Amino acid sequence: MRSHRGRRHRHAALRTGRRRSVYRLIDAAYERRSVIVTSNLHPSGFDSIMPKMLATAAVDRLLHHAHIVLTEGSYPRLTQATSGQGVVPLS
């Protein structure tokens, strides 16, 4: 699948600079600010997008004082996309 800018959407490893940036953001907020992270990737899979050492440290900081909210149920956009309905243009 391609985005509007031609980049591929996938769970690919982040580029080196982005790996460090994500970790620095999490580390800077640790015990100082609230952080909300939404992801379809389970925290145990963070090492698939960044080195294991950075992933472990990031997840440790994210989950230390975390309130985890799991959502379940049907997702209307996913249901539409998988049934071929897709997006309806505005008229």
PDB file of N, CA and C in Angstrom:
ATOM      1  N   MET A   1       0.839  -1.165   0.000  1.00  0.00           N
ATOM      2  CA  MET A   1       0.000   0.000   0.000  1.00  0.00           C
ATOM      3  C   MET A   1       0.890   1.235   0.000  1.00  0.00           C
ATOM      4  N   ARG A   2       0.519   2.250  -0.771  1.00  0.00           N
ATOM      5  CA  ARG A   2       1.306   3.476  -0.831  1.00  0.00           C
ATOM      6  C   ARG A   2       0.515   4.649  -0.288  1.00  0.00           C
ATOM      7  N   SER A   3       1.210   5.577   0.336  1.00  0.00           N
ATOM      8  CA  SER A   3       0.566   6.777   0.838  1.00  0.00           C
ATOM      9  C   SER A   3       0.483   7.800  -0.276  1.00  0.00           C
ATOM     10  N   HIS A   4      -0.074   8.954   0.009  1.00  0.00           N
ATOM     11  CA  HIS A   4      -0.182   9.995  -0.996  1.00  0.00           C
ATOM     12  C   HIS A   4       1.175  10.569  -1.380  1.00  0.00           C
ATOM     13  N   ARG A   5       2.207  10.310  -0.619  1.00  0.00           N
ATOM     14  CA  ARG A   5       3.549  10.799  -0.933  1.00  0.00           C
ATOM     15  C   ARG A   5       4.435   9.707  -1.527  1.00  0.00           C
ATOM     16  N   GLY A   6       3.865   8.549  -1.771  1.00  0.00           N
ATOM     17  CA  GLY A   6       4.622   7.482  -2.401  1.00  0.00           C
ATOM     18  C   GLY A   6       5.428   6.619  -1.449  1.00  0.00           C
ATOM     19  N   ARG A   7       5.338   6.863  -0.165  1.00  0.00           N
ATOM     20  CA  ARG A   7       6.075   6.046   0.801  1.00  0.00           C
ATOM     21  C   ARG A   7       5.239   4.839   1.176  1.00  0.00           C
ATOM     22  N   ARG A   8       5.887   3.751   1.438  1.00  0.00           N
ATOM     23  CA  ARG A   8       5.176   2.534   1.818  1.00  0.00           C
ATOM     24  C   ARG A   8       4.765   2.596   3.280  1.00  0.00           C
ATOM     25  N   HIS A   9       3.524   2.145   3.559  1.00  0.00           N
ATOM     26  CA  HIS A   9       3.044   2.009   4.932  1.00  0.00           C
ATOM     27  C   HIS A   9       3.287   0.570   5.357  1.00  0.00           C
ATOM     28  N   ARG A  10       4.067   0.367   6.395  1.00  0.00           N
ATOM     29  CA  ARG A  10       4.349  -0.970   6.898  1.00  0.00           C
ATOM     30  C   ARG A  10       5.028  -0.834   8.245  1.00  0.00           C
ATOM     31  N   HIS A  11       5.090  -1.936   8.942  1.00  0.00           N
ATOM     32  CA  HIS A  11       5.838  -1.944  10.194  1.00  0.00           C
ATOM     33  C   HIS A  11       7.286  -2.186   9.844  1.00  0.00           C
ATOM     34  N   ALA A  12       7.918  -1.167   9.386  1.00  0.00           N
ATOM     35  CA  ALA A  12       9.321  -1.267   9.013  1.00  0.00           C
ATOM     36  C   ALA A  12      10.157  -0.594  10.087  1.00  0.00           C
ATOM     37  N   ALA A  13      11.391  -0.958  10.141  1.00  0.00           N
ATOM     38  CA  ALA A  13      12.291  -0.338  11.106  1.00  0.00           C
ATOM     39  C   ALA A  13      12.379   1.158  10.822  1.00  0.00           C
ATOM     40  N   LEU A  14      12.384   1.933  11.876  1.00  0.00           N
ATOM     41  CA  LEU A  14      12.535   3.371  11.729  1.00  0.00           C
ATOM     42  C   LEU A  14      13.967   3.680  11.335  1.00  0.00           C
ATOM     43  N   ARG A  15      14.143   4.753  10.589  1.00  0.00           N
ATOM     44  CA  ARG A  15      15.507   5.164  10.255  1.00  0.00           C
ATOM     45  C   ARG A  15      16.230   5.557  11.541  1.00  0.00           C
ATOM     46  N   THR A  16      17.543   5.485  11.525  1.00  0.00           N
ATOM     47  CA  THR A  16      18.360   5.698  12.723  1.00  0.00           C
ATOM     48  C   THR A  16      18.001   6.987  13.447  1.00  0.00           C
ATOM     49  N   GLY A  17      17.887   8.090  12.757  1.00  0.00           N
ATOM     50  CA  GLY A  17      17.557   9.363  13.395  1.00  0.00           C
ATOM     51  C   GLY A  17      16.188   9.345  14.044  1.00  0.00           C
ATOM     52  N   ARG A  18      15.235   8.697  13.397  1.00  0.00           N
ATOM     53  CA  ARG A  18      13.883   8.633  13.942  1.00  0.00           C
ATOM     54  C   ARG A  18      13.818   7.718  15.157  1.00  0.00           C
ATOM     55  N   ARG A  19      14.609   6.659  15.163  1.00  0.00           N
ATOM     56  CA  ARG A  19      14.655   5.767  16.340  1.00  0.00           C
ATOM     57  C   ARG A  19      15.040   6.564  17.571  1.00  0.00           C
ATOM     58  N   ARG A  20      16.110   7.327  17.412  1.00  0.00           N
ATOM     59  CA  ARG A  20      16.598   8.119  18.546  1.00  0.00           C
ATOM     60  C   ARG A  20      15.604   9.212  18.925  1.00  0.00           C
ATOM     61  N   SER A  21      14.964   9.813  17.934  1.00  0.00           N
ATOM     62  CA  SER A  21      13.988  10.873  18.210  1.00  0.00           C
ATOM     63  C   SER A  21      12.802  10.349  19.004  1.00  0.00           C
ATOM     64  N   VAL A  22      12.292   9.186  18.633  1.00  0.00           N
ATOM     65  CA  VAL A  22      11.168   8.593  19.360  1.00  0.00           C
ATOM     66  C   VAL A  22      11.587   8.303  20.793  1.00  0.00           C
ATOM     67  N   TYR A  23      12.752   7.719  20.957  1.00  0.00           N
ATOM     68  CA  TYR A  23      13.224   7.424  22.307  1.00  0.00           C
ATOM     69  C   TYR A  23      13.439   8.707  23.104  1.00  0.00           C
ATOM     70  N   ARG A  24      14.066   9.726  22.500  1.00  0.00           N
ATOM     71  CA  ARG A  24      14.322  10.983  23.212  1.00  0.00           C
ATOM     72  C   ARG A  24      13.025  11.654  23.655  1.00  0.00           C
ATOM     73  N   LEU A  25      12.010  11.601  22.808  1.00  0.00           N
ATOM     74  CA  LEU A  25      10.707  12.169  23.156  1.00  0.00           C
ATOM     75  C   LEU A  25      10.126  11.470  24.388  1.00  0.00           C
ATOM     76  N   ILE A  26      10.162  10.149  24.371  1.00  0.00           N
ATOM     77  CA  ILE A  26       9.639   9.372  25.499  1.00  0.00           C
ATOM     78  C   ILE A  26      10.464   9.626  26.752  1.00  0.00           C
ATOM     79  N   ASP A  27      11.787   9.633  26.607  1.00  0.00           N
ATOM     80  CA  ASP A  27      12.670   9.840  27.754  1.00  0.00           C
ATOM     81  C   ASP A  27      12.509  11.242  28.348  1.00  0.00           C
ATOM     82  N   ALA A  28      12.358  12.260  27.494  1.00  0.00           N
ATOM     83  CA  ALA A  28      12.209  13.634  27.967  1.00  0.00           C
ATOM     84  C   ALA A  28      10.915  13.809  28.766  1.00  0.00           C
ATOM     85  N   ALA A  29       9.876  13.097  28.389  1.00  0.00           N
ATOM     86  CA  ALA A  29       8.594  13.214  29.076  1.00  0.00           C
ATOM     87  C   ALA A  29       8.512  12.338  30.321  1.00  0.00           C
ATOM     88  N   TYR A  30       9.395  11.360  30.435  1.00  0.00           N
ATOM     89  CA  TYR A  30       9.332  10.392  31.532  1.00  0.00           C
ATOM     90  C   TYR A  30       9.308  11.077  32.895  1.00  0.00           C
ATOM     91  N   GLU A  31       8.272  10.819  33.654  1.00  0.00           N
ATOM     92  CA  GLU A  31       8.026  11.358  34.993  1.00  0.00           C
ATOM     93  C   GLU A  31       7.963  12.882  35.032  1.00  0.00           C
ATOM     94  N   ARG A  32       7.779  13.541  33.881  1.00  0.00           N
ATOM     95  CA  ARG A  32       7.638  14.995  33.837  1.00  0.00           C
ATOM     96  C   ARG A  32       6.336  15.424  33.177  1.00  0.00           C
ATOM     97  N   ARG A  33       5.911  14.680  32.173  1.00  0.00           N
ATOM     98  CA  ARG A  33       4.747  15.042  31.374  1.00  0.00           C
ATOM     99  C   ARG A  33       3.897  13.807  31.117  1.00  0.00           C
ATOM    100  N   SER A  34       2.653  14.048  30.765  1.00  0.00           N
ATOM    101  CA  SER A  34       1.775  12.959  30.352  1.00  0.00           C
ATOM    102  C   SER A  34       2.001  12.682  28.877  1.00  0.00           C
ATOM    103  N   VAL A  35       1.949  11.434  28.515  1.00  0.00           N
ATOM    104  CA  VAL A  35       2.136  11.031  27.127  1.00  0.00           C
ATOM    105  C   VAL A  35       1.021  10.060  26.761  1.00  0.00           C
ATOM    106  N   ILE A  36       0.419  10.280  25.620  1.00  0.00           N
ATOM    107  CA  ILE A  36      -0.575   9.343  25.109  1.00  0.00           C
ATOM    108  C   ILE A  36      -0.001   8.718  23.853  1.00  0.00           C
ATOM    109  N   VAL A  37       0.034   7.405  23.833  1.00  0.00           N
ATOM    110  CA  VAL A  37       0.537   6.668  22.674  1.00  0.00           C
ATOM    111  C   VAL A  37      -0.579   5.759  22.187  1.00  0.00           C
ATOM    112  N   THR A  38      -0.886   5.847  20.906  1.00  0.00           N
ATOM    113  CA  THR A  38      -1.835   4.916  20.313  1.00  0.00           C
ATOM    114  C   THR A  38      -1.077   4.118  19.268  1.00  0.00           C
ATOM    115  N   SER A  39      -1.346   2.837  19.232  1.00  0.00           N
ATOM    116  CA  SER A  39      -0.626   1.986  18.292  1.00  0.00           C
ATOM    117  C   SER A  39      -1.391   0.693  18.081  1.00  0.00           C
ATOM    118  N   ASN A  40      -1.261   0.164  16.886  1.00  0.00           N
ATOM    119  CA  ASN A  40      -1.795  -1.168  16.651  1.00  0.00           C
ATOM    120  C   ASN A  40      -0.693  -2.211  16.850  1.00  0.00           C
ATOM    121  N   LEU A  41       0.456  -1.757  17.307  1.00  0.00           N
ATOM    122  CA  LEU A  41       1.597  -2.629  17.580  1.00  0.00           C
ATOM    123  C   LEU A  41       1.701  -2.822  19.092  1.00  0.00           C
ATOM    124  N   HIS A  42       1.694  -4.054  19.540  1.00  0.00           N
ATOM    125  CA  HIS A  42       1.827  -4.362  20.969  1.00  0.00           C
ATOM    126  C   HIS A  42       3.221  -3.924  21.433  1.00  0.00           C
ATOM    127  N   PRO A  43       3.342  -3.431  22.668  1.00  0.00           N
ATOM    128  CA  PRO A  43       4.653  -2.998  23.159  1.00  0.00           C
ATOM    129  C   PRO A  43       5.749  -4.055  23.027  1.00  0.00           C
ATOM    130  N   SER A  44       5.400  -5.323  23.095  1.00  0.00           N
ATOM    131  CA  SER A  44       6.422  -6.364  22.942  1.00  0.00           C
ATOM    132  C   SER A  44       6.979  -6.403  21.524  1.00  0.00           C
ATOM    133  N   GLY A  45       6.314  -5.752  20.591  1.00  0.00           N
ATOM    134  CA  GLY A  45       6.775  -5.727  19.210  1.00  0.00           C
ATOM    135  C   GLY A  45       7.554  -4.481  18.834  1.00  0.00           C
ATOM    136  N   PHE A  46       7.792  -3.588  19.798  1.00  0.00           N
ATOM    137  CA  PHE A  46       8.525  -2.362  19.489  1.00  0.00           C
ATOM    138  C   PHE A  46       9.936  -2.649  18.979  1.00  0.00           C
ATOM    139  N   ASP A  47      10.498  -3.792  19.358  1.00  0.00           N
ATOM    140  CA  ASP A  47      11.843  -4.109  18.869  1.00  0.00           C
ATOM    141  C   ASP A  47      11.843  -4.479  17.385  1.00  0.00           C
ATOM    142  N   SER A  48      10.663  -4.522  16.759  1.00  0.00           N
ATOM    143  CA  SER A  48      10.614  -4.741  15.307  1.00  0.00           C
ATOM    144  C   SER A  48      10.753  -3.427  14.547  1.00  0.00           C
ATOM    145  N   ILE A  49      10.635  -2.288  15.239  1.00  0.00           N
ATOM    146  CA  ILE A  49      10.774  -0.998  14.576  1.00  0.00           C
ATOM    147  C   ILE A  49      11.974  -0.198  15.064  1.00  0.00           C
ATOM    148  N   MET A  50      12.606  -0.649  16.140  1.00  0.00           N
ATOM    149  CA  MET A  50      13.810   0.015  16.645  1.00  0.00           C
ATOM    150  C   MET A  50      14.674  -1.035  17.345  1.00  0.00           C
ATOM    151  N   PRO A  51      15.955  -0.745  17.547  1.00  0.00           N
ATOM    152  CA  PRO A  51      16.822  -1.718  18.210  1.00  0.00           C
ATOM    153  C   PRO A  51      16.267  -2.140  19.569  1.00  0.00           C
ATOM    154  N   LYS A  52      16.534  -3.377  19.921  1.00  0.00           N
ATOM    155  CA  LYS A  52      15.976  -3.955  21.147  1.00  0.00           C
ATOM    156  C   LYS A  52      16.287  -3.127  22.389  1.00  0.00           C
ATOM    157  N   MET A  53      17.500  -2.607  22.493  1.00  0.00           N
ATOM    158  CA  MET A  53      17.875  -1.833  23.670  1.00  0.00           C
ATOM    159  C   MET A  53      17.027  -0.556  23.772  1.00  0.00           C
ATOM    160  N   LEU A  54      16.853   0.168  22.659  1.00  0.00           N
ATOM    161  CA  LEU A  54      16.024   1.370  22.673  1.00  0.00           C
ATOM    162  C   LEU A  54      14.562   1.015  22.926  1.00  0.00           C
ATOM    163  N   ALA A  55      14.091  -0.051  22.299  1.00  0.00           N
ATOM    164  CA  ALA A  55      12.697  -0.474  22.460  1.00  0.00           C
ATOM    165  C   ALA A  55      12.407  -0.837  23.914  1.00  0.00           C
ATOM    166  N   THR A  56      13.309  -1.567  24.529  1.00  0.00           N
ATOM    167  CA  THR A  56      13.126  -1.973  25.925  1.00  0.00           C
ATOM    168  C   THR A  56      13.078  -0.755  26.839  1.00  0.00           C
ATOM    169  N   ALA A  57      13.987   0.184  26.625  1.00  0.00           N
ATOM    170  CA  ALA A  57      14.019   1.394  27.445  1.00  0.00           C
ATOM    171  C   ALA A  57      12.761   2.238  27.222  1.00  0.00           C
ATOM    172  N   ALA A  58      12.334   2.373  25.977  1.00  0.00           N
ATOM    173  CA  ALA A  58      11.140   3.161  25.662  1.00  0.00           C
ATOM    174  C   ALA A  58       9.901   2.548  26.309  1.00  0.00           C
ATOM    175  N   VAL A  59       9.733   1.243  26.152  1.00  0.00           N
ATOM    176  CA  VAL A  59       8.567   0.565  26.727  1.00  0.00           C
ATOM    177  C   VAL A  59       8.601   0.647  28.251  1.00  0.00           C
ATOM    178  N   ASP A  60       9.769   0.507  28.844  1.00  0.00           N
ATOM    179  CA  ASP A  60       9.904   0.619  30.295  1.00  0.00           C
ATOM    180  C   ASP A  60       9.413   1.975  30.777  1.00  0.00           C
ATOM    181  N   ARG A  61       9.817   3.036  30.107  1.00  0.00           N
ATOM    182  CA  ARG A  61       9.404   4.381  30.504  1.00  0.00           C
ATOM    183  C   ARG A  61       7.922   4.621  30.243  1.00  0.00           C
ATOM    184  N   LEU A  62       7.428   4.096  29.126  1.00  0.00           N
ATOM    185  CA  LEU A  62       6.005   4.280  28.806  1.00  0.00           C
ATOM    186  C   LEU A  62       5.091   3.557  29.792  1.00  0.00           C
ATOM    187  N   LEU A  63       5.487   2.378  30.224  1.00  0.00           N
ATOM    188  CA  LEU A  63       4.600   1.562  31.051  1.00  0.00           C
ATOM    189  C   LEU A  63       4.795   1.735  32.563  1.00  0.00           C
ATOM    190  N   HIS A  64       5.831   2.455  32.985  1.00  0.00           N
ATOM    191  CA  HIS A  64       6.139   2.550  34.413  1.00  0.00           C
ATOM    192  C   HIS A  64       4.966   3.070  35.236  1.00  0.00           C
ATOM    193  N   HIS A  65       4.366   4.179  34.869  1.00  0.00           N
ATOM    194  CA  HIS A  65       3.217   4.728  35.587  1.00  0.00           C
ATOM    195  C   HIS A  65       1.980   4.740  34.700  1.00  0.00           C
ATOM    196  N   ALA A  66       1.897   3.818  33.781  1.00  0.00           N
ATOM    197  CA  ALA A  66       0.873   3.855  32.739  1.00  0.00           C
ATOM    198  C   ALA A  66      -0.516   3.462  33.216  1.00  0.00           C
ATOM    199  N   HIS A  67      -1.486   4.025  32.550  1.00  0.00           N
ATOM    200  CA  HIS A  67      -2.877   3.591  32.619  1.00  0.00           C
ATOM    201  C   HIS A  67      -3.170   3.065  31.222  1.00  0.00           C
ATOM    202  N   ILE A  68      -3.334   1.785  31.092  1.00  0.00           N
ATOM    203  CA  ILE A  68      -3.517   1.172  29.776  1.00  0.00           C
ATOM    204  C   ILE A  68      -5.001   1.008  29.496  1.00  0.00           C
ATOM    205  N   VAL A  69      -5.414   1.474  28.327  1.00  0.00           N
ATOM    206  CA  VAL A  69      -6.802   1.368  27.909  1.00  0.00           C
ATOM    207  C   VAL A  69      -6.838   0.487  26.661  1.00  0.00           C
ATOM    208  N   LEU A  70      -7.462  -0.673  26.788  1.00  0.00           N
ATOM    209  CA  LEU A  70      -7.611  -1.568  25.645  1.00  0.00           C
ATOM    210  C   LEU A  70      -9.006  -1.388  25.077  1.00  0.00           C
ATOM    211  N   THR A  71      -9.074  -1.307  23.775  1.00  0.00           N
ATOM    212  CA  THR A  71     -10.378  -1.177  23.139  1.00  0.00           C
ATOM    213  C   THR A  71     -10.690  -2.452  22.387  1.00  0.00           C
ATOM    214  N   GLU A  72     -11.937  -2.817  22.396  1.00  0.00           N
ATOM    215  CA  GLU A  72     -12.380  -4.003  21.685  1.00  0.00           C
ATOM    216  C   GLU A  72     -13.671  -3.669  20.970  1.00  0.00           C
ATOM    217  N   GLY A  73     -14.030  -4.486  20.040  1.00  0.00           N
ATOM    218  CA  GLY A  73     -15.288  -4.283  19.345  1.00  0.00           C
ATOM    219  C   GLY A  73     -15.072  -4.082  17.865  1.00  0.00           C
ATOM    220  N   SER A  74     -16.146  -3.729  17.195  1.00  0.00           N
ATOM    221  CA  SER A  74     -16.045  -3.526  15.756  1.00  0.00           C
ATOM    222  C   SER A  74     -15.558  -2.115  15.469  1.00  0.00           C
ATOM    223  N   TYR A  75     -14.865  -1.975  14.381  1.00  0.00           N
ATOM    224  CA  TYR A  75     -14.325  -0.704  13.959  1.00  0.00           C
ATOM    225  C   TYR A  75     -14.971  -0.364  12.614  1.00  0.00           C
ATOM    226  N   PRO A  76     -15.863   0.629  12.585  1.00  0.00           N
ATOM    227  CA  PRO A  76     -16.596   0.930  11.356  1.00  0.00           C
ATOM    228  C   PRO A  76     -15.711   1.178  10.141  1.00  0.00           C
ATOM    229  N   ARG A  77     -14.618   1.908  10.282  1.00  0.00           N
ATOM    230  CA  ARG A  77     -13.764   2.177   9.116  1.00  0.00           C
ATOM    231  C   ARG A  77     -13.101   0.906   8.597  1.00  0.00           C
ATOM    232  N   LEU A  78     -12.674   0.034   9.506  1.00  0.00           N
ATOM    233  CA  LEU A  78     -12.071  -1.225   9.086  1.00  0.00           C
ATOM    234  C   LEU A  78     -13.102  -2.097   8.377  1.00  0.00           C
ATOM    235  N   THR A  79     -14.310  -2.148   8.919  1.00  0.00           N
ATOM    236  CA  THR A  79     -15.382  -2.925   8.306  1.00  0.00           C
ATOM    237  C   THR A  79     -15.679  -2.413   6.904  1.00  0.00           C
ATOM    238  N   GLN A  80     -15.748  -1.089   6.744  1.00  0.00           N
ATOM    239  CA  GLN A  80     -15.997  -0.511   5.423  1.00  0.00           C
ATOM    240  C   GLN A  80     -14.862  -0.825   4.455  1.00  0.00           C
ATOM    241  N   ALA A  81     -13.647  -0.673   4.915  1.00  0.00           N
ATOM    242  CA  ALA A  81     -12.500  -0.899   4.032  1.00  0.00           C
ATOM    243  C   ALA A  81     -12.396  -2.346   3.578  1.00  0.00           C
ATOM    244  N   THR A  82     -12.635  -3.288   4.496  1.00  0.00           N
ATOM    245  CA  THR A  82     -12.515  -4.693   4.136  1.00  0.00           C
ATOM    246  C   THR A  82     -13.700  -5.189   3.324  1.00  0.00           C
ATOM    247  N   SER A  83     -14.810  -4.453   3.353  1.00  0.00           N
ATOM    248  CA  SER A  83     -15.981  -4.861   2.540  1.00  0.00           C
ATOM    249  C   SER A  83     -15.968  -4.189   1.178  1.00  0.00           C
ATOM    250  N   GLY A  84     -14.939  -3.374   0.906  1.00  0.00           N
ATOM    251  CA  GLY A  84     -14.831  -2.729  -0.408  1.00  0.00           C
ATOM    252  C   GLY A  84     -15.580  -1.428  -0.529  1.00  0.00           C
ATOM    253  N   GLN A  85     -16.184  -0.954   0.566  1.00  0.00           N
ATOM    254  CA  GLN A  85     -16.941   0.299   0.495  1.00  0.00           C
ATOM    255  C   GLN A  85     -16.001   1.504   0.416  1.00  0.00           C
ATOM    256  N   GLY A  86     -14.917   1.467   1.144  1.00  0.00           N
ATOM    257  CA  GLY A  86     -13.931   2.538   1.079  1.00  0.00           C
ATOM    258  C   GLY A  86     -14.473   3.894   1.456  1.00  0.00           C
ATOM    259  N   VAL A  87     -13.851   4.916   0.899  1.00  0.00           N
ATOM    260  CA  VAL A  87     -14.205   6.293   1.201  1.00  0.00           C
ATOM    261  C   VAL A  87     -15.180   6.806   0.149  1.00  0.00           C
ATOM    262  N   VAL A  88     -16.198   7.495   0.607  1.00  0.00           N
ATOM    263  CA  VAL A  88     -17.183   8.088  -0.302  1.00  0.00           C
ATOM    264  C   VAL A  88     -16.832   9.557  -0.461  1.00  0.00           C
ATOM    265  N   PRO A  89     -16.593  10.034  -1.701  1.00  0.00           N
ATOM    266  CA  PRO A  89     -16.225  11.447  -1.899  1.00  0.00           C
ATOM    267  C   PRO A  89     -17.360  12.381  -1.471  1.00  0.00           C
ATOM    268  N   LEU A  90     -16.987  13.549  -1.003  1.00  0.00           N
ATOM    269  CA  LEU A  90     -17.976  14.572  -0.661  1.00  0.00           C
ATOM    270  C   LEU A  90     -18.570  15.114  -1.956  1.00  0.00           C
ATOM    271  N   SER A  91     -19.863  15.414  -1.919  1.00  0.00           N
ATOM    272  CA  SER A  91     -20.470  15.966  -3.130  1.00  0.00           C
ATOM    273  C   SER A  91     -20.843  17.425  -2.972  1.00  0.00           C
TER     274      SER A  91
END
